[in-house]
Amino acid sequence: VPMVAPGNVQVHVINSTLAKVHWDPVPLKSVRGHLQGYKVYYWKVQSLSRRSRRHVEKKILTFRGNKTFGMLPGLEPFSSYKLNVRVVNGKGEGPASPDKVFKTPEGVPSSPSFLKITNPTLDSLTLEWGSPTHPNGVLTSYILKFQPINNTHELGPLVEIRIPANESSLILKNLNYSTRYKFYFNAQTSVGSGSQITEEAVTIMDE
């Protein structure tokens, strides 16, 4: 098997889900056989928005021939990763380069995990929601937009409310009685807005 690990391993993080890795080729003598390529082993150490550590699944990408760089796609935003590089010949892999640590920046969050509308009265509705399963960063706020829908399914004026990120419920007051409303709800990080969840609910007709 090869004797020497690739040197000078560098990682360039391109965005929250993509990084480029490059390395110096090993001396051909040290390959001790036919150079087949290089393997990059990489794995997520932890999510920076959640401290939970889980079973670490190592991923391997193979770059054929004498390539000295490669792309690592499909990374998770706002996470800490480690990687190393090994050279491969027909017999197997050489030693691993020292582990290199890199971090991906924040991304936009996934949609809130649920939006539930309860306690209808003449002029109010109560909203409850769950935080996104994948915050992909530090949540800065939630954005709620809503508008009335009349009997011919025309949409009325849109109202927008920004809600602090640590809230999980809201009572909407001063609504019209016996009116259907459509709600659009999403979470935000400093990068931008995540995908929205929609829901409809009706205020009651009379007490």
C-alpha atoms as a PDB file:
ATOM      1  CA  VAL A   1       0.000   0.000   0.000  1.00  0.00           C
ATOM      2  CA  PRO A   2       1.147   3.637  -0.388  1.00  0.00           C
ATOM      3  CA  MET A   3       3.569   4.909   2.269  1.00  0.00           C
ATOM      4  CA  VAL A   4       2.882   8.654   2.457  1.00  0.00           C
ATOM      5  CA  ALA A   5      -0.187  10.779   3.220  1.00  0.00           C
ATOM      6  CA  PRO A   6      -1.053  13.764   0.990  1.00  0.00           C
ATOM      7  CA  GLY A   7       0.295  17.019   2.430  1.00  0.00           C
ATOM      8  CA  ASN A   8      -0.869  20.619   2.686  1.00  0.00           C
ATOM      9  CA  VAL A   9      -4.592  19.759   2.792  1.00  0.00           C
ATOM     10  CA  GLN A  10      -6.672  22.961   2.496  1.00  0.00           C
ATOM     11  CA  VAL A  11     -10.432  23.464   2.668  1.00  0.00           C
ATOM     12  CA  HIS A  12     -12.203  26.413   1.042  1.00  0.00           C
ATOM     13  CA  VAL A  13     -15.829  26.734   2.205  1.00  0.00           C
ATOM     14  CA  ILE A  14     -17.859  28.072  -0.732  1.00  0.00           C
ATOM     15  CA  ASN A  15     -21.306  28.313   0.880  1.00  0.00           C
ATOM     16  CA  SER A  16     -23.410  26.670   3.583  1.00  0.00           C
ATOM     17  CA  THR A  17     -23.645  23.331   1.726  1.00  0.00           C
ATOM     18  CA  LEU A  18     -20.499  23.181  -0.462  1.00  0.00           C
ATOM     19  CA  ALA A  19     -16.744  23.138   0.161  1.00  0.00           C
ATOM     20  CA  LYS A  20     -13.680  22.609  -2.013  1.00  0.00           C
ATOM     21  CA  VAL A  21     -10.724  20.606  -0.750  1.00  0.00           C
ATOM     22  CA  HIS A  22      -7.239  20.532  -2.289  1.00  0.00           C
ATOM     23  CA  TRP A  23      -3.979  18.821  -1.417  1.00  0.00           C
ATOM     24  CA  ASP A  24      -0.409  18.345  -2.637  1.00  0.00           C
ATOM     25  CA  PRO A  25       0.200  15.150  -4.620  1.00  0.00           C
ATOM     26  CA  VAL A  26       2.325  12.482  -2.965  1.00  0.00           C
ATOM     27  CA  PRO A  27       5.703  11.613  -4.561  1.00  0.00           C
ATOM     28  CA  LEU A  28       5.068   8.890  -7.150  1.00  0.00           C
ATOM     29  CA  LYS A  29       7.766   6.659  -5.602  1.00  0.00           C
ATOM     30  CA  SER A  30       5.820   6.551  -2.343  1.00  0.00           C
ATOM     31  CA  VAL A  31       2.699   5.208  -4.097  1.00  0.00           C
ATOM     32  CA  ARG A  32       4.486   1.824  -4.520  1.00  0.00           C
ATOM     33  CA  GLY A  33       2.271   0.828  -7.396  1.00  0.00           C
ATOM     34  CA  HIS A  34      -0.250   2.268  -9.831  1.00  0.00           C
ATOM     35  CA  LEU A  35      -1.754   5.575  -8.636  1.00  0.00           C
ATOM     36  CA  GLN A  36      -5.528   5.117  -8.780  1.00  0.00           C
ATOM     37  CA  GLY A  37      -6.553   8.369  -7.135  1.00  0.00           C
ATOM     38  CA  TYR A  38      -7.257  10.044  -3.810  1.00  0.00           C
ATOM     39  CA  LYS A  39     -10.002   9.443  -1.262  1.00  0.00           C
ATOM     40  CA  VAL A  40     -11.441  12.197   0.912  1.00  0.00           C
ATOM     41  CA  TYR A  41     -13.050  11.017   4.153  1.00  0.00           C
ATOM     42  CA  TYR A  42     -15.301  13.637   5.758  1.00  0.00           C
ATOM     43  CA  TRP A  43     -17.821  13.637   8.582  1.00  0.00           C
ATOM     44  CA  LYS A  44     -19.950  16.036  10.597  1.00  0.00           C
ATOM     45  CA  VAL A  45     -18.644  16.579  14.123  1.00  0.00           C
ATOM     46  CA  GLN A  46     -21.598  18.604  15.398  1.00  0.00           C
ATOM     47  CA  SER A  47     -24.339  21.026  14.479  1.00  0.00           C
ATOM     48  CA  LEU A  48     -23.539  24.522  15.756  1.00  0.00           C
ATOM     49  CA  SER A  49     -27.210  25.266  16.485  1.00  0.00           C
ATOM     50  CA  ARG A  50     -27.732  22.091  18.527  1.00  0.00           C
ATOM     51  CA  ARG A  51     -25.203  20.660  20.908  1.00  0.00           C
ATOM     52  CA  SER A  52     -26.433  17.077  20.508  1.00  0.00           C
ATOM     53  CA  ARG A  53     -23.842  14.638  19.252  1.00  0.00           C
ATOM     54  CA  ARG A  54     -25.116  11.667  17.341  1.00  0.00           C
ATOM     55  CA  HIS A  55     -23.674   8.649  15.578  1.00  0.00           C
ATOM     56  CA  VAL A  56     -21.018   9.945  13.203  1.00  0.00           C
ATOM     57  CA  GLU A  57     -21.368   8.677   9.668  1.00  0.00           C
ATOM     58  CA  LYS A  58     -18.179   9.038   7.629  1.00  0.00           C
ATOM     59  CA  LYS A  59     -18.615   9.847   3.961  1.00  0.00           C
ATOM     60  CA  ILE A  60     -16.026   8.996   1.319  1.00  0.00           C
ATOM     61  CA  LEU A  61     -15.481  10.634  -2.065  1.00  0.00           C
ATOM     62  CA  THR A  62     -12.992   9.162  -4.543  1.00  0.00           C
ATOM     63  CA  PHE A  63     -11.181  11.402  -7.038  1.00  0.00           C
ATOM     64  CA  ARG A  64      -9.566   9.386  -9.820  1.00  0.00           C
ATOM     65  CA  GLY A  65      -6.041   9.712 -11.152  1.00  0.00           C
ATOM     66  CA  ASN A  66      -3.682  12.511 -10.175  1.00  0.00           C
ATOM     67  CA  LYS A  67      -6.376  15.071  -9.296  1.00  0.00           C
ATOM     68  CA  THR A  68      -5.348  17.328  -6.422  1.00  0.00           C
ATOM     69  CA  PHE A  69      -8.712  18.916  -5.586  1.00  0.00           C
ATOM     70  CA  GLY A  70     -12.391  18.023  -5.314  1.00  0.00           C
ATOM     71  CA  MET A  71     -15.777  19.371  -4.280  1.00  0.00           C
ATOM     72  CA  LEU A  72     -17.710  18.237  -1.188  1.00  0.00           C
ATOM     73  CA  PRO A  73     -21.438  18.778  -1.930  1.00  0.00           C
ATOM     74  CA  GLY A  74     -24.477  18.228   0.295  1.00  0.00           C
ATOM     75  CA  LEU A  75     -23.007  19.595   3.535  1.00  0.00           C
ATOM     76  CA  GLU A  76     -25.314  20.743   6.321  1.00  0.00           C
ATOM     77  CA  PRO A  77     -25.337  24.481   7.081  1.00  0.00           C
ATOM     78  CA  PHE A  78     -23.989  25.831  10.389  1.00  0.00           C
ATOM     79  CA  SER A  79     -22.049  22.671  11.232  1.00  0.00           C
ATOM     80  CA  SER A  80     -18.531  21.632  12.135  1.00  0.00           C
ATOM     81  CA  TYR A  81     -16.826  19.001   9.943  1.00  0.00           C
ATOM     82  CA  LYS A  82     -13.561  17.080   9.837  1.00  0.00           C
ATOM     83  CA  LEU A  83     -11.837  15.549   6.831  1.00  0.00           C
ATOM     84  CA  ASN A  84      -8.665  13.759   5.783  1.00  0.00           C
ATOM     85  CA  VAL A  85      -7.199  12.621   2.466  1.00  0.00           C
ATOM     86  CA  ARG A  86      -5.532   9.324   1.492  1.00  0.00           C
ATOM     87  CA  VAL A  87      -3.835   8.147  -1.690  1.00  0.00           C
ATOM     88  CA  VAL A  88      -5.005   4.876  -3.306  1.00  0.00           C
ATOM     89  CA  ASN A  89      -3.181   2.286  -5.387  1.00  0.00           C
ATOM     90  CA  GLY A  90      -4.280  -1.159  -6.646  1.00  0.00           C
ATOM     91  CA  LYS A  91      -3.507  -2.697  -3.261  1.00  0.00           C
ATOM     92  CA  GLY A  92      -5.377  -0.230  -1.049  1.00  0.00           C
ATOM     93  CA  GLU A  93      -5.146   3.108   0.751  1.00  0.00           C
ATOM     94  CA  GLY A  94      -2.155   4.895   2.202  1.00  0.00           C
ATOM     95  CA  PRO A  95      -2.115   6.649   5.591  1.00  0.00           C
ATOM     96  CA  ALA A  96      -4.575   9.472   6.290  1.00  0.00           C
ATOM     97  CA  SER A  97      -3.462  13.083   6.308  1.00  0.00           C
ATOM     98  CA  PRO A  98      -3.980  14.878   9.662  1.00  0.00           C
ATOM     99  CA  ASP A  99      -7.673  15.704  10.263  1.00  0.00           C
ATOM    100  CA  LYS A 100      -8.652  19.152   9.062  1.00  0.00           C
ATOM    101  CA  VAL A 101     -11.548  20.948  10.790  1.00  0.00           C
ATOM    102  CA  PHE A 102     -13.845  23.323   8.889  1.00  0.00           C
ATOM    103  CA  LYS A 103     -17.184  24.998   9.590  1.00  0.00           C
ATOM    104  CA  THR A 104     -20.065  25.753   7.249  1.00  0.00           C
ATOM    105  CA  PRO A 105     -21.849  29.119   7.594  1.00  0.00           C
ATOM    106  CA  GLU A 106     -25.520  29.624   8.439  1.00  0.00           C
ATOM    107  CA  GLY A 107     -28.212  28.873   5.882  1.00  0.00           C
ATOM    108  CA  VAL A 108     -31.943  29.568   5.758  1.00  0.00           C
ATOM    109  CA  PRO A 109     -34.081  27.414   8.094  1.00  0.00           C
ATOM    110  CA  SER A 110     -36.499  24.677   7.128  1.00  0.00           C
ATOM    111  CA  SER A 111     -40.195  25.486   7.540  1.00  0.00           C
ATOM    112  CA  PRO A 112     -41.634  25.625  11.092  1.00  0.00           C
ATOM    113  CA  SER A 113     -42.457  22.057  12.184  1.00  0.00           C
ATOM    114  CA  PHE A 114     -46.176  22.827  12.589  1.00  0.00           C
ATOM    115  CA  LEU A 115     -48.720  25.680  12.737  1.00  0.00           C
ATOM    116  CA  LYS A 116     -51.890  25.094  14.746  1.00  0.00           C
ATOM    117  CA  ILE A 117     -54.797  27.567  15.001  1.00  0.00           C
ATOM    118  CA  THR A 118     -57.149  27.170  17.974  1.00  0.00           C
ATOM    119  CA  ASN A 119     -59.636  29.002  20.238  1.00  0.00           C
ATOM    120  CA  PRO A 120     -61.626  30.919  17.641  1.00  0.00           C
ATOM    121  CA  THR A 121     -63.747  33.751  19.046  1.00  0.00           C
ATOM    122  CA  LEU A 122     -65.673  36.541  17.321  1.00  0.00           C
ATOM    123  CA  ASP A 123     -62.552  38.627  16.772  1.00  0.00           C
ATOM    124  CA  SER A 124     -59.510  36.516  17.708  1.00  0.00           C
ATOM    125  CA  LEU A 125     -57.600  33.314  16.909  1.00  0.00           C
ATOM    126  CA  THR A 126     -54.744  31.653  18.811  1.00  0.00           C
ATOM    127  CA  LEU A 127     -51.707  30.466  16.832  1.00  0.00           C
ATOM    128  CA  GLU A 128     -49.217  27.896  18.111  1.00  0.00           C
ATOM    129  CA  TRP A 129     -46.166  26.657  16.238  1.00  0.00           C
ATOM    130  CA  GLY A 130     -43.064  24.487  16.480  1.00  0.00           C
ATOM    131  CA  SER A 131     -39.550  25.625  15.642  1.00  0.00           C
ATOM    132  CA  PRO A 132     -37.943  24.344  12.406  1.00  0.00           C
ATOM    133  CA  THR A 133     -36.503  20.822  12.519  1.00  0.00           C
ATOM    134  CA  HIS A 134     -33.382  22.175  10.770  1.00  0.00           C
ATOM    135  CA  PRO A 135     -32.727  25.744  11.961  1.00  0.00           C
ATOM    136  CA  ASN A 136     -29.490  25.800   9.890  1.00  0.00           C
ATOM    137  CA  GLY A 137     -28.314  28.738  11.997  1.00  0.00           C
ATOM    138  CA  VAL A 138     -29.503  30.998  14.803  1.00  0.00           C
ATOM    139  CA  LEU A 139     -33.182  31.889  14.416  1.00  0.00           C
ATOM    140  CA  THR A 140     -33.674  35.681  14.466  1.00  0.00           C
ATOM    141  CA  SER A 141     -37.484  35.860  14.122  1.00  0.00           C
ATOM    142  CA  TYR A 142     -40.669  34.404  12.680  1.00  0.00           C
ATOM    143  CA  ILE A 143     -42.673  36.170   9.986  1.00  0.00           C
ATOM    144  CA  LEU A 144     -46.462  35.797  10.024  1.00  0.00           C
ATOM    145  CA  LYS A 145     -48.514  37.079   7.101  1.00  0.00           C
ATOM    146  CA  PHE A 146     -52.274  36.723   6.936  1.00  0.00           C
ATOM    147  CA  GLN A 147     -55.228  37.965   4.883  1.00  0.00           C
ATOM    148  CA  PRO A 148     -59.014  37.478   4.843  1.00  0.00           C
ATOM    149  CA  ILE A 149     -60.642  35.337   2.132  1.00  0.00           C
ATOM    150  CA  ASN A 150     -64.168  36.322   1.148  1.00  0.00           C
ATOM    151  CA  ASN A 151     -66.931  34.023  -0.089  1.00  0.00           C
ATOM    152  CA  THR A 152     -65.842  34.324  -3.709  1.00  0.00           C
ATOM    153  CA  HIS A 153     -62.311  33.270  -2.678  1.00  0.00           C
ATOM    154  CA  GLU A 154     -60.823  36.698  -3.261  1.00  0.00           C
ATOM    155  CA  LEU A 155     -57.953  37.580  -0.953  1.00  0.00           C
ATOM    156  CA  GLY A 156     -58.095  40.759   1.119  1.00  0.00           C
ATOM    157  CA  PRO A 157     -55.175  42.974   2.204  1.00  0.00           C
ATOM    158  CA  LEU A 158     -52.083  41.179   3.529  1.00  0.00           C
ATOM    159  CA  VAL A 159     -50.913  41.968   7.075  1.00  0.00           C
ATOM    160  CA  GLU A 160     -47.339  41.118   8.129  1.00  0.00           C
ATOM    161  CA  ILE A 161     -46.110  40.644  11.724  1.00  0.00           C
ATOM    162  CA  ARG A 162     -42.554  39.942  12.895  1.00  0.00           C
ATOM    163  CA  ILE A 163     -42.444  37.702  15.995  1.00  0.00           C
ATOM    164  CA  PRO A 164     -39.393  37.195  18.272  1.00  0.00           C
ATOM    165  CA  ALA A 165     -37.616  33.863  17.731  1.00  0.00           C
ATOM    166  CA  ASN A 166     -38.196  32.680  21.318  1.00  0.00           C
ATOM    167  CA  GLU A 167     -42.019  32.863  21.056  1.00  0.00           C
ATOM    168  CA  SER A 168     -44.151  29.784  20.303  1.00  0.00           C
ATOM    169  CA  SER A 169     -47.704  31.175  20.385  1.00  0.00           C
ATOM    170  CA  LEU A 170     -49.628  34.350  19.605  1.00  0.00           C
ATOM    171  CA  ILE A 171     -53.210  35.587  20.092  1.00  0.00           C
ATOM    172  CA  LEU A 172     -54.338  37.547  17.030  1.00  0.00           C
ATOM    173  CA  LYS A 173     -56.961  40.105  18.026  1.00  0.00           C
ATOM    174  CA  ASN A 174     -59.192  42.635  16.230  1.00  0.00           C
ATOM    175  CA  LEU A 175     -60.156  40.210  13.468  1.00  0.00           C
ATOM    176  CA  ASN A 176     -63.507  40.296  11.656  1.00  0.00           C
ATOM    177  CA  TYR A 177     -66.169  37.880  12.889  1.00  0.00           C
ATOM    178  CA  SER A 178     -67.286  34.939  10.748  1.00  0.00           C
ATOM    179  CA  THR A 179     -64.320  35.457   8.436  1.00  0.00           C
ATOM    180  CA  ARG A 180     -61.920  32.943   6.909  1.00  0.00           C
ATOM    181  CA  TYR A 181     -58.247  33.892   7.108  1.00  0.00           C
ATOM    182  CA  LYS A 182     -55.247  32.462   5.290  1.00  0.00           C
ATOM    183  CA  PHE A 183     -51.914  32.357   7.162  1.00  0.00           C
ATOM    184  CA  TYR A 184     -48.354  32.132   5.826  1.00  0.00           C
ATOM    185  CA  PHE A 185     -45.650  31.449   8.383  1.00  0.00           C
ATOM    186  CA  ASN A 186     -41.867  31.052   8.198  1.00  0.00           C
ATOM    187  CA  ALA A 187     -38.690  31.377  10.255  1.00  0.00           C
ATOM    188  CA  GLN A 188     -35.622  33.513   9.559  1.00  0.00           C
ATOM    189  CA  THR A 189     -31.887  33.421  10.240  1.00  0.00           C
ATOM    190  CA  SER A 190     -29.473  36.256   9.463  1.00  0.00           C
ATOM    191  CA  VAL A 191     -29.120  34.723   5.977  1.00  0.00           C
ATOM    192  CA  GLY A 192     -32.815  35.014   5.082  1.00  0.00           C
ATOM    193  CA  SER A 193     -36.291  33.479   5.230  1.00  0.00           C
ATOM    194  CA  GLY A 194     -36.938  29.749   5.154  1.00  0.00           C
ATOM    195  CA  SER A 195     -39.784  27.977   3.387  1.00  0.00           C
ATOM    196  CA  GLN A 196     -43.255  28.808   4.638  1.00  0.00           C
ATOM    197  CA  ILE A 197     -46.082  26.760   6.042  1.00  0.00           C
ATOM    198  CA  THR A 198     -49.697  27.812   5.241  1.00  0.00           C
ATOM    199  CA  GLU A 199     -52.930  27.288   7.145  1.00  0.00           C
ATOM    200  CA  GLU A 200     -56.518  28.582   7.094  1.00  0.00           C
ATOM    201  CA  ALA A 201     -58.953  29.248   9.964  1.00  0.00           C
ATOM    202  CA  VAL A 202     -62.295  30.948  10.552  1.00  0.00           C
ATOM    203  CA  THR A 203     -63.457  33.280  13.358  1.00  0.00           C
ATOM    204  CA  ILE A 204     -66.830  32.288  14.783  1.00  0.00           C
ATOM    205  CA  MET A 205     -70.140  33.725  13.605  1.00  0.00           C
ATOM    206  CA  ASP A 206     -71.689  34.628  16.952  1.00  0.00           C
ATOM    207  CA  GLU A 207     -71.200  33.795  20.605  1.00  0.00           C
END
